[in-house]
């Protein structure tokens, strides 16, 4: 039986990561981020330039001197802003007070051009970037990259997957290679909080908790890490409660899938506000 409190190997990166990854920038203080690391083993941190990252920057600068080898720091970069990539990485290394980072390209709609691939390789060779991943809503692209049919960096992927949007179960997970698989991280586990709203529930159903959503994602055997984005220390504790609760029982899983299907059908019919 899976134990969510234990770190797992992030696919072909070989790195040991926590089952919950932390996306800061939504209000949680640096002290809570550091406590998540020390008390819960949370070591997968997501840094995006579009978020207010003061607390994340401070937490990383506090943790890195004694724990850098243990941290998996994901620096996001929109694909459509791939120019000046080297200076972008240098700037964030300086802000975070570290010497290397793991790079994630966002908004990937089609395979990257060779010029970008060459830039990435130069950063790898320099030691400033260890691993490179991709994030996309174009689900069929992931297996093509993982199998080497499309040339693109693919050490790890960030994929949308939740009880409402389960397409990765058909389009991605079954089609990844058994050997040398990319690491799999999941975002929008709460479906932008739709799964938490009472008014969107089927008749007679209570809304899910954030922990329910994270447990749903982590219960899938192909998932390594699920992103959380708490706004304060209390939400952080609620999110991390998913680790102790562990995988869902069959009855719980069936209920969550029913709710997800209801929300999906309601949205498709245009009935959702």
C-alpha atoms as a PDB file:
ATOM      1  CA  UNK A   1       0.000   0.000   0.000  1.00  0.00           C
ATOM      2  CA  UNK A   2       1.259   3.466  -0.887  1.00  0.00           C
ATOM      3  CA  UNK A   3       2.435   5.728   1.931  1.00  0.00           C
ATOM      4  CA  UNK A   4       2.043   9.360   0.904  1.00  0.00           C
ATOM      5  CA  UNK A   5       4.419  10.464   3.659  1.00  0.00           C
ATOM      6  CA  UNK A   6       7.336   8.767   1.926  1.00  0.00           C
ATOM      7  CA  UNK A   7       9.259  10.417  -0.917  1.00  0.00           C
ATOM      8  CA  UNK A   8       9.296   8.713  -4.309  1.00  0.00           C
ATOM      9  CA  UNK A   9      11.617   8.687  -7.303  1.00  0.00           C
ATOM     10  CA  UNK A  10      10.659  11.365  -9.842  1.00  0.00           C
ATOM     11  CA  UNK A  11      10.937   9.171 -12.915  1.00  0.00           C
ATOM     12  CA  UNK A  12      14.102   9.344 -14.990  1.00  0.00           C
ATOM     13  CA  UNK A  13      15.479  12.234 -12.922  1.00  0.00           C
ATOM     14  CA  UNK A  14      16.290   9.742 -10.178  1.00  0.00           C
ATOM     15  CA  UNK A  15      15.536  12.424  -7.577  1.00  0.00           C
ATOM     16  CA  UNK A  16      13.573  11.641  -4.412  1.00  0.00           C
ATOM     17  CA  UNK A  17      10.630  14.025  -4.072  1.00  0.00           C
ATOM     18  CA  UNK A  18       7.734  14.593  -1.694  1.00  0.00           C
ATOM     19  CA  UNK A  19       4.284  13.499  -2.857  1.00  0.00           C
ATOM     20  CA  UNK A  20       2.975  17.044  -2.440  1.00  0.00           C
ATOM     21  CA  UNK A  21       4.803  19.874  -4.169  1.00  0.00           C
ATOM     22  CA  UNK A  22       4.435  23.478  -3.066  1.00  0.00           C
ATOM     23  CA  UNK A  23       3.590  26.339  -5.407  1.00  0.00           C
ATOM     24  CA  UNK A  24       4.125  29.512  -3.433  1.00  0.00           C
ATOM     25  CA  UNK A  25       2.959  32.991  -4.351  1.00  0.00           C
ATOM     26  CA  UNK A  26      -0.578  32.739  -2.997  1.00  0.00           C
ATOM     27  CA  UNK A  27       0.095  34.097   0.493  1.00  0.00           C
ATOM     28  CA  UNK A  28       1.622  31.306   2.557  1.00  0.00           C
ATOM     29  CA  UNK A  29       4.505  32.694   4.660  1.00  0.00           C
ATOM     30  CA  UNK A  30       8.124  31.598   4.399  1.00  0.00           C
ATOM     31  CA  UNK A  31       7.995  30.115   7.909  1.00  0.00           C
ATOM     32  CA  UNK A  32       5.209  27.733   6.830  1.00  0.00           C
ATOM     33  CA  UNK A  33       7.190  26.666   3.750  1.00  0.00           C
ATOM     34  CA  UNK A  34      10.210  25.905   5.904  1.00  0.00           C
ATOM     35  CA  UNK A  35       8.056  24.009   8.403  1.00  0.00           C
ATOM     36  CA  UNK A  36       6.583  21.937   5.565  1.00  0.00           C
ATOM     37  CA  UNK A  37      10.125  20.914   4.653  1.00  0.00           C
ATOM     38  CA  UNK A  38      11.318  20.128   8.176  1.00  0.00           C
ATOM     39  CA  UNK A  39       8.148  18.490   9.550  1.00  0.00           C
ATOM     40  CA  UNK A  40       6.581  16.911   6.441  1.00  0.00           C
ATOM     41  CA  UNK A  41       9.569  16.441   4.147  1.00  0.00           C
ATOM     42  CA  UNK A  42       8.132  18.688   1.434  1.00  0.00           C
ATOM     43  CA  UNK A  43      11.037  19.314  -0.941  1.00  0.00           C
ATOM     44  CA  UNK A  44       9.386  19.926  -4.345  1.00  0.00           C
ATOM     45  CA  UNK A  45       9.089  23.712  -4.772  1.00  0.00           C
ATOM     46  CA  UNK A  46       7.581  25.461  -7.797  1.00  0.00           C
ATOM     47  CA  UNK A  47       8.746  28.974  -8.712  1.00  0.00           C
ATOM     48  CA  UNK A  48       6.743  30.946 -11.294  1.00  0.00           C
ATOM     49  CA  UNK A  49       7.604  34.497 -12.398  1.00  0.00           C
ATOM     50  CA  UNK A  50       3.902  35.418 -12.506  1.00  0.00           C
ATOM     51  CA  UNK A  51       3.378  34.903  -8.771  1.00  0.00           C
ATOM     52  CA  UNK A  52       4.278  36.961  -5.735  1.00  0.00           C
ATOM     53  CA  UNK A  53       7.289  34.907  -4.715  1.00  0.00           C
ATOM     54  CA  UNK A  54       8.708  36.849  -1.787  1.00  0.00           C
ATOM     55  CA  UNK A  55       7.980  34.095   0.728  1.00  0.00           C
ATOM     56  CA  UNK A  56       9.237  31.299  -1.544  1.00  0.00           C
ATOM     57  CA  UNK A  57      12.463  33.176  -2.298  1.00  0.00           C
ATOM     58  CA  UNK A  58      13.061  33.760   1.410  1.00  0.00           C
ATOM     59  CA  UNK A  59      12.336  30.133   2.307  1.00  0.00           C
ATOM     60  CA  UNK A  60      14.680  28.805  -0.368  1.00  0.00           C
ATOM     61  CA  UNK A  61      17.445  31.173   0.683  1.00  0.00           C
ATOM     62  CA  UNK A  62      17.011  29.942   4.266  1.00  0.00           C
ATOM     63  CA  UNK A  63      16.884  26.238   3.384  1.00  0.00           C
ATOM     64  CA  UNK A  64      19.418  25.986   0.563  1.00  0.00           C
ATOM     65  CA  UNK A  65      22.649  26.482   2.571  1.00  0.00           C
ATOM     66  CA  UNK A  66      22.098  23.297   4.553  1.00  0.00           C
ATOM     67  CA  UNK A  67      19.738  21.304   2.341  1.00  0.00           C
ATOM     68  CA  UNK A  68      20.371  22.226  -1.324  1.00  0.00           C
ATOM     69  CA  UNK A  69      20.979  18.648  -2.482  1.00  0.00           C
ATOM     70  CA  UNK A  70      17.651  17.633  -0.998  1.00  0.00           C
ATOM     71  CA  UNK A  71      15.541  20.315  -2.711  1.00  0.00           C
ATOM     72  CA  UNK A  72      13.930  19.899  -6.123  1.00  0.00           C
ATOM     73  CA  UNK A  73      13.411  23.502  -7.280  1.00  0.00           C
ATOM     74  CA  UNK A  74      11.304  23.934 -10.399  1.00  0.00           C
ATOM     75  CA  UNK A  75      11.733  27.250 -12.206  1.00  0.00           C
ATOM     76  CA  UNK A  76       8.876  27.876 -14.639  1.00  0.00           C
ATOM     77  CA  UNK A  77       9.399  29.620 -17.975  1.00  0.00           C
ATOM     78  CA  UNK A  78       6.622  30.297 -20.512  1.00  0.00           C
ATOM     79  CA  UNK A  79       7.483  28.631 -23.811  1.00  0.00           C
ATOM     80  CA  UNK A  80       6.549  31.720 -25.801  1.00  0.00           C
ATOM     81  CA  UNK A  81       9.234  33.662 -23.901  1.00  0.00           C
ATOM     82  CA  UNK A  82      12.101  31.327 -24.655  1.00  0.00           C
ATOM     83  CA  UNK A  83      14.386  34.108 -25.863  1.00  0.00           C
ATOM     84  CA  UNK A  84      17.002  35.319 -23.359  1.00  0.00           C
ATOM     85  CA  UNK A  85      16.657  32.014 -21.559  1.00  0.00           C
ATOM     86  CA  UNK A  86      20.197  32.091 -20.177  1.00  0.00           C
ATOM     87  CA  UNK A  87      19.804  35.514 -18.570  1.00  0.00           C
ATOM     88  CA  UNK A  88      16.420  34.468 -17.153  1.00  0.00           C
ATOM     89  CA  UNK A  89      17.956  31.455 -15.432  1.00  0.00           C
ATOM     90  CA  UNK A  90      20.926  33.508 -14.168  1.00  0.00           C
ATOM     91  CA  UNK A  91      18.601  36.127 -12.709  1.00  0.00           C
ATOM     92  CA  UNK A  92      16.580  33.571 -10.742  1.00  0.00           C
ATOM     93  CA  UNK A  93      19.634  31.690  -9.542  1.00  0.00           C
ATOM     94  CA  UNK A  94      20.842  34.963  -8.084  1.00  0.00           C
ATOM     95  CA  UNK A  95      17.462  35.757  -6.480  1.00  0.00           C
ATOM     96  CA  UNK A  96      17.203  32.317  -4.903  1.00  0.00           C
ATOM     97  CA  UNK A  97      20.856  32.231  -3.842  1.00  0.00           C
ATOM     98  CA  UNK A  98      21.538  28.866  -5.516  1.00  0.00           C
ATOM     99  CA  UNK A  99      23.812  27.506  -8.252  1.00  0.00           C
ATOM    100  CA  UNK A 100      21.451  25.218 -10.165  1.00  0.00           C
ATOM    101  CA  UNK A 101      17.735  24.727 -10.763  1.00  0.00           C
ATOM    102  CA  UNK A 102      15.307  22.402 -12.559  1.00  0.00           C
ATOM    103  CA  UNK A 103      13.613  24.101 -15.508  1.00  0.00           C
ATOM    104  CA  UNK A 104       9.980  23.745 -16.591  1.00  0.00           C
ATOM    105  CA  UNK A 105       8.622  25.117 -19.868  1.00  0.00           C
ATOM    106  CA  UNK A 106       4.960  26.120 -19.620  1.00  0.00           C
ATOM    107  CA  UNK A 107       2.258  26.561 -22.261  1.00  0.00           C
ATOM    108  CA  UNK A 108       3.815  24.023 -24.627  1.00  0.00           C
ATOM    109  CA  UNK A 109       1.441  23.576 -27.557  1.00  0.00           C
ATOM    110  CA  UNK A 110       3.842  22.048 -30.077  1.00  0.00           C
ATOM    111  CA  UNK A 111       7.381  20.647 -30.119  1.00  0.00           C
ATOM    112  CA  UNK A 112      10.090  23.245 -29.360  1.00  0.00           C
ATOM    113  CA  UNK A 113      12.401  24.497 -32.079  1.00  0.00           C
ATOM    114  CA  UNK A 114      15.961  23.246 -32.304  1.00  0.00           C
ATOM    115  CA  UNK A 115      17.312  26.650 -31.268  1.00  0.00           C
ATOM    116  CA  UNK A 116      15.592  26.323 -27.896  1.00  0.00           C
ATOM    117  CA  UNK A 117      16.757  22.738 -27.450  1.00  0.00           C
ATOM    118  CA  UNK A 118      20.330  23.894 -28.077  1.00  0.00           C
ATOM    119  CA  UNK A 119      19.986  26.642 -25.445  1.00  0.00           C
ATOM    120  CA  UNK A 120      18.707  24.124 -22.938  1.00  0.00           C
ATOM    121  CA  UNK A 121      21.630  21.802 -23.598  1.00  0.00           C
ATOM    122  CA  UNK A 122      24.101  24.643 -23.060  1.00  0.00           C
ATOM    123  CA  UNK A 123      22.487  25.345 -19.693  1.00  0.00           C
ATOM    124  CA  UNK A 124      22.743  21.669 -18.764  1.00  0.00           C
ATOM    125  CA  UNK A 125      26.403  21.598 -19.735  1.00  0.00           C
ATOM    126  CA  UNK A 126      27.063  24.708 -17.658  1.00  0.00           C
ATOM    127  CA  UNK A 127      25.604  23.006 -14.580  1.00  0.00           C
ATOM    128  CA  UNK A 128      22.997  25.736 -14.071  1.00  0.00           C
ATOM    129  CA  UNK A 129      20.108  23.415 -15.006  1.00  0.00           C
ATOM    130  CA  UNK A 130      19.917  19.750 -13.978  1.00  0.00           C
ATOM    131  CA  UNK A 131      16.607  18.561 -15.435  1.00  0.00           C
ATOM    132  CA  UNK A 132      14.125  20.030 -17.906  1.00  0.00           C
ATOM    133  CA  UNK A 133      10.382  19.415 -18.008  1.00  0.00           C
ATOM    134  CA  UNK A 134       7.316  20.501 -19.943  1.00  0.00           C
ATOM    135  CA  UNK A 135       3.804  21.586 -19.027  1.00  0.00           C
ATOM    136  CA  UNK A 136       1.002  21.458 -21.574  1.00  0.00           C
ATOM    137  CA  UNK A 137      -2.711  20.912 -22.139  1.00  0.00           C
ATOM    138  CA  UNK A 138      -1.814  19.065 -25.359  1.00  0.00           C
ATOM    139  CA  UNK A 139      -1.962  15.629 -23.741  1.00  0.00           C
ATOM    140  CA  UNK A 140      -0.963  13.466 -26.761  1.00  0.00           C
ATOM    141  CA  UNK A 141       2.331  15.356 -26.915  1.00  0.00           C
ATOM    142  CA  UNK A 142       3.577  13.854 -23.641  1.00  0.00           C
ATOM    143  CA  UNK A 143       3.801  10.190 -24.745  1.00  0.00           C
ATOM    144  CA  UNK A 144       5.363  11.221 -28.064  1.00  0.00           C
ATOM    145  CA  UNK A 145       8.155  13.043 -26.230  1.00  0.00           C
ATOM    146  CA  UNK A 146       8.564  10.296 -23.637  1.00  0.00           C
ATOM    147  CA  UNK A 147       8.963   7.641 -26.349  1.00  0.00           C
ATOM    148  CA  UNK A 148      11.432   9.766 -28.321  1.00  0.00           C
ATOM    149  CA  UNK A 149       9.104  10.240 -31.292  1.00  0.00           C
ATOM    150  CA  UNK A 150       9.249  14.016 -30.793  1.00  0.00           C
ATOM    151  CA  UNK A 151      12.538  15.690 -29.926  1.00  0.00           C
ATOM    152  CA  UNK A 152      12.093  17.789 -26.805  1.00  0.00           C
ATOM    153  CA  UNK A 153      13.428  17.893 -23.241  1.00  0.00           C
ATOM    154  CA  UNK A 154      11.232  15.642 -21.123  1.00  0.00           C
ATOM    155  CA  UNK A 155      12.799  14.655 -17.822  1.00  0.00           C
ATOM    156  CA  UNK A 156       9.514  15.428 -16.070  1.00  0.00           C
ATOM    157  CA  UNK A 157       6.026  16.599 -17.049  1.00  0.00           C
ATOM    158  CA  UNK A 158       3.420  18.785 -15.362  1.00  0.00           C
ATOM    159  CA  UNK A 159      -0.038  17.588 -16.418  1.00  0.00           C
ATOM    160  CA  UNK A 160      -3.571  18.751 -15.634  1.00  0.00           C
ATOM    161  CA  UNK A 161      -5.396  15.903 -13.911  1.00  0.00           C
ATOM    162  CA  UNK A 162      -8.268  15.895 -11.438  1.00  0.00           C
ATOM    163  CA  UNK A 163     -11.641  14.258 -10.835  1.00  0.00           C
ATOM    164  CA  UNK A 164     -13.274  16.558 -13.408  1.00  0.00           C
ATOM    165  CA  UNK A 165     -10.571  16.304 -16.081  1.00  0.00           C
ATOM    166  CA  UNK A 166      -9.455  12.659 -16.166  1.00  0.00           C
ATOM    167  CA  UNK A 167      -8.272  12.585 -19.795  1.00  0.00           C
ATOM    168  CA  UNK A 168      -4.684  11.806 -18.790  1.00  0.00           C
ATOM    169  CA  UNK A 169      -5.905   8.346 -17.753  1.00  0.00           C
ATOM    170  CA  UNK A 170      -6.562   7.583 -21.426  1.00  0.00           C
ATOM    171  CA  UNK A 171      -4.215   9.916 -23.321  1.00  0.00           C
ATOM    172  CA  UNK A 172      -1.048   9.957 -21.231  1.00  0.00           C
ATOM    173  CA  UNK A 173      -0.504   7.449 -18.426  1.00  0.00           C
ATOM    174  CA  UNK A 174      -1.045   4.181 -20.373  1.00  0.00           C
ATOM    175  CA  UNK A 175       1.206   5.362 -23.223  1.00  0.00           C
ATOM    176  CA  UNK A 176       4.339   6.235 -21.272  1.00  0.00           C
ATOM    177  CA  UNK A 177       7.277   3.824 -21.622  1.00  0.00           C
ATOM    178  CA  UNK A 178       7.744   1.289 -18.849  1.00  0.00           C
ATOM    179  CA  UNK A 179      11.475   1.992 -18.654  1.00  0.00           C
ATOM    180  CA  UNK A 180      13.085   5.412 -18.297  1.00  0.00           C
ATOM    181  CA  UNK A 181       9.729   7.092 -17.648  1.00  0.00           C
ATOM    182  CA  UNK A 182       9.568  10.868 -17.124  1.00  0.00           C
ATOM    183  CA  UNK A 183       8.584  12.107 -13.682  1.00  0.00           C
ATOM    184  CA  UNK A 184       4.913  13.076 -13.439  1.00  0.00           C
ATOM    185  CA  UNK A 185       3.676  16.131 -11.550  1.00  0.00           C
ATOM    186  CA  UNK A 186       0.021  17.176 -11.460  1.00  0.00           C
ATOM    187  CA  UNK A 187      -1.515  20.646 -11.275  1.00  0.00           C
ATOM    188  CA  UNK A 188      -5.102  21.918 -10.701  1.00  0.00           C
ATOM    189  CA  UNK A 189      -6.070  18.959  -8.505  1.00  0.00           C
ATOM    190  CA  UNK A 190      -9.072  20.913  -7.173  1.00  0.00           C
ATOM    191  CA  UNK A 191     -10.113  21.954 -10.707  1.00  0.00           C
ATOM    192  CA  UNK A 192      -9.650  25.599  -9.764  1.00  0.00           C
ATOM    193  CA  UNK A 193     -11.642  24.931  -6.564  1.00  0.00           C
ATOM    194  CA  UNK A 194     -14.764  23.736  -8.424  1.00  0.00           C
ATOM    195  CA  UNK A 195     -14.599  20.455  -6.521  1.00  0.00           C
ATOM    196  CA  UNK A 196     -14.776  22.391  -3.248  1.00  0.00           C
ATOM    197  CA  UNK A 197     -17.947  24.399  -4.028  1.00  0.00           C
ATOM    198  CA  UNK A 198     -21.278  23.200  -2.523  1.00  0.00           C
ATOM    199  CA  UNK A 199     -23.368  24.733  -5.329  1.00  0.00           C
ATOM    200  CA  UNK A 200     -21.636  22.593  -7.954  1.00  0.00           C
ATOM    201  CA  UNK A 201     -22.274  19.267  -6.203  1.00  0.00           C
ATOM    202  CA  UNK A 202     -24.818  16.658  -7.319  1.00  0.00           C
ATOM    203  CA  UNK A 203     -27.966  16.531  -5.206  1.00  0.00           C
ATOM    204  CA  UNK A 204     -27.268  15.112  -1.765  1.00  0.00           C
ATOM    205  CA  UNK A 205     -23.471  15.291  -2.037  1.00  0.00           C
ATOM    206  CA  UNK A 206     -21.130  17.296   0.162  1.00  0.00           C
ATOM    207  CA  UNK A 207     -18.240  19.122  -1.514  1.00  0.00           C
ATOM    208  CA  UNK A 208     -14.778  17.647  -1.442  1.00  0.00           C
ATOM    209  CA  UNK A 209     -11.980  18.947   0.726  1.00  0.00           C
ATOM    210  CA  UNK A 210      -8.662  19.945  -0.798  1.00  0.00           C
ATOM    211  CA  UNK A 211      -7.135  16.873   0.855  1.00  0.00           C
ATOM    212  CA  UNK A 212      -9.723  14.679  -0.914  1.00  0.00           C
ATOM    213  CA  UNK A 213      -8.612  16.137  -4.255  1.00  0.00           C
ATOM    214  CA  UNK A 214      -4.931  15.545  -3.547  1.00  0.00           C
ATOM    215  CA  UNK A 215      -5.589  11.984  -2.380  1.00  0.00           C
ATOM    216  CA  UNK A 216      -7.501  11.306  -5.601  1.00  0.00           C
ATOM    217  CA  UNK A 217      -4.533  12.433  -7.681  1.00  0.00           C
ATOM    218  CA  UNK A 218      -1.885  10.684  -5.590  1.00  0.00           C
ATOM    219  CA  UNK A 219      -3.843   7.423  -5.551  1.00  0.00           C
ATOM    220  CA  UNK A 220      -3.068   6.997  -9.259  1.00  0.00           C
ATOM    221  CA  UNK A 221       0.060   4.814  -9.518  1.00  0.00           C
ATOM    222  CA  UNK A 222       1.538   6.827 -12.412  1.00  0.00           C
ATOM    223  CA  UNK A 223       1.590  10.103 -10.454  1.00  0.00           C
ATOM    224  CA  UNK A 224       4.708  11.091  -8.514  1.00  0.00           C
ATOM    225  CA  UNK A 225       3.840  14.516  -7.117  1.00  0.00           C
ATOM    226  CA  UNK A 226       0.766  16.742  -6.847  1.00  0.00           C
ATOM    227  CA  UNK A 227       1.039  20.524  -6.602  1.00  0.00           C
ATOM    228  CA  UNK A 228      -0.668  22.466  -3.792  1.00  0.00           C
ATOM    229  CA  UNK A 229      -1.004  26.250  -3.519  1.00  0.00           C
ATOM    230  CA  UNK A 230      -2.055  27.291   0.008  1.00  0.00           C
ATOM    231  CA  UNK A 231      -2.863  30.888   0.855  1.00  0.00           C
ATOM    232  CA  UNK A 232      -1.900  30.687   4.520  1.00  0.00           C
ATOM    233  CA  UNK A 233      -0.366  28.386   7.146  1.00  0.00           C
ATOM    234  CA  UNK A 234      -3.749  26.908   8.101  1.00  0.00           C
ATOM    235  CA  UNK A 235      -4.430  25.869   4.500  1.00  0.00           C
ATOM    236  CA  UNK A 236      -0.938  24.421   4.349  1.00  0.00           C
ATOM    237  CA  UNK A 237      -1.737  22.141   7.317  1.00  0.00           C
ATOM    238  CA  UNK A 238      -5.056  21.121   5.732  1.00  0.00           C
ATOM    239  CA  UNK A 239      -3.293  20.294   2.445  1.00  0.00           C
ATOM    240  CA  UNK A 240      -0.621  18.226   4.166  1.00  0.00           C
ATOM    241  CA  UNK A 241      -3.328  16.238   5.966  1.00  0.00           C
ATOM    242  CA  UNK A 242      -3.670  14.308   2.695  1.00  0.00           C
ATOM    243  CA  UNK A 243      -0.304  12.700   3.407  1.00  0.00           C
ATOM    244  CA  UNK A 244      -1.460  11.021   6.606  1.00  0.00           C
ATOM    245  CA  UNK A 245      -4.834   9.994   5.153  1.00  0.00           C
ATOM    246  CA  UNK A 246      -3.176   7.953   2.407  1.00  0.00           C
ATOM    247  CA  UNK A 247      -4.768   6.428  -0.723  1.00  0.00           C
ATOM    248  CA  UNK A 248      -8.531   6.497  -1.216  1.00  0.00           C
ATOM    249  CA  UNK A 249     -10.705   3.498  -0.465  1.00  0.00           C
ATOM    250  CA  UNK A 250     -12.863   2.167  -3.324  1.00  0.00           C
ATOM    251  CA  UNK A 251     -16.026   3.788  -1.998  1.00  0.00           C
ATOM    252  CA  UNK A 252     -14.307   7.158  -1.603  1.00  0.00           C
ATOM    253  CA  UNK A 253     -12.849   6.936  -5.102  1.00  0.00           C
ATOM    254  CA  UNK A 254     -16.234   6.095  -6.618  1.00  0.00           C
ATOM    255  CA  UNK A 255     -17.866   9.066  -4.866  1.00  0.00           C
ATOM    256  CA  UNK A 256     -15.202  11.501  -6.046  1.00  0.00           C
ATOM    257  CA  UNK A 257     -15.474  10.231  -9.617  1.00  0.00           C
ATOM    258  CA  UNK A 258     -19.262  10.682  -9.525  1.00  0.00           C
ATOM    259  CA  UNK A 259     -18.848  14.275  -8.393  1.00  0.00           C
ATOM    260  CA  UNK A 260     -16.192  14.951 -11.037  1.00  0.00           C
ATOM    261  CA  UNK A 261     -18.373  13.561 -13.828  1.00  0.00           C
ATOM    262  CA  UNK A 262     -21.321  15.649 -12.656  1.00  0.00           C
ATOM    263  CA  UNK A 263     -19.285  18.866 -12.714  1.00  0.00           C
ATOM    264  CA  UNK A 264     -17.836  17.994 -16.135  1.00  0.00           C
ATOM    265  CA  UNK A 265     -21.269  17.289 -17.650  1.00  0.00           C
ATOM    266  CA  UNK A 266     -22.747  20.427 -16.078  1.00  0.00           C
ATOM    267  CA  UNK A 267     -19.960  22.546 -17.542  1.00  0.00           C
ATOM    268  CA  UNK A 268     -20.335  20.929 -20.990  1.00  0.00           C
ATOM    269  CA  UNK A 269     -24.051  21.759 -20.971  1.00  0.00           C
ATOM    270  CA  UNK A 270     -23.300  25.390 -20.117  1.00  0.00           C
ATOM    271  CA  UNK A 271     -25.154  25.208 -16.799  1.00  0.00           C
ATOM    272  CA  UNK A 272     -22.216  26.183 -14.604  1.00  0.00           C
ATOM    273  CA  UNK A 273     -21.870  29.802 -13.495  1.00  0.00           C
END
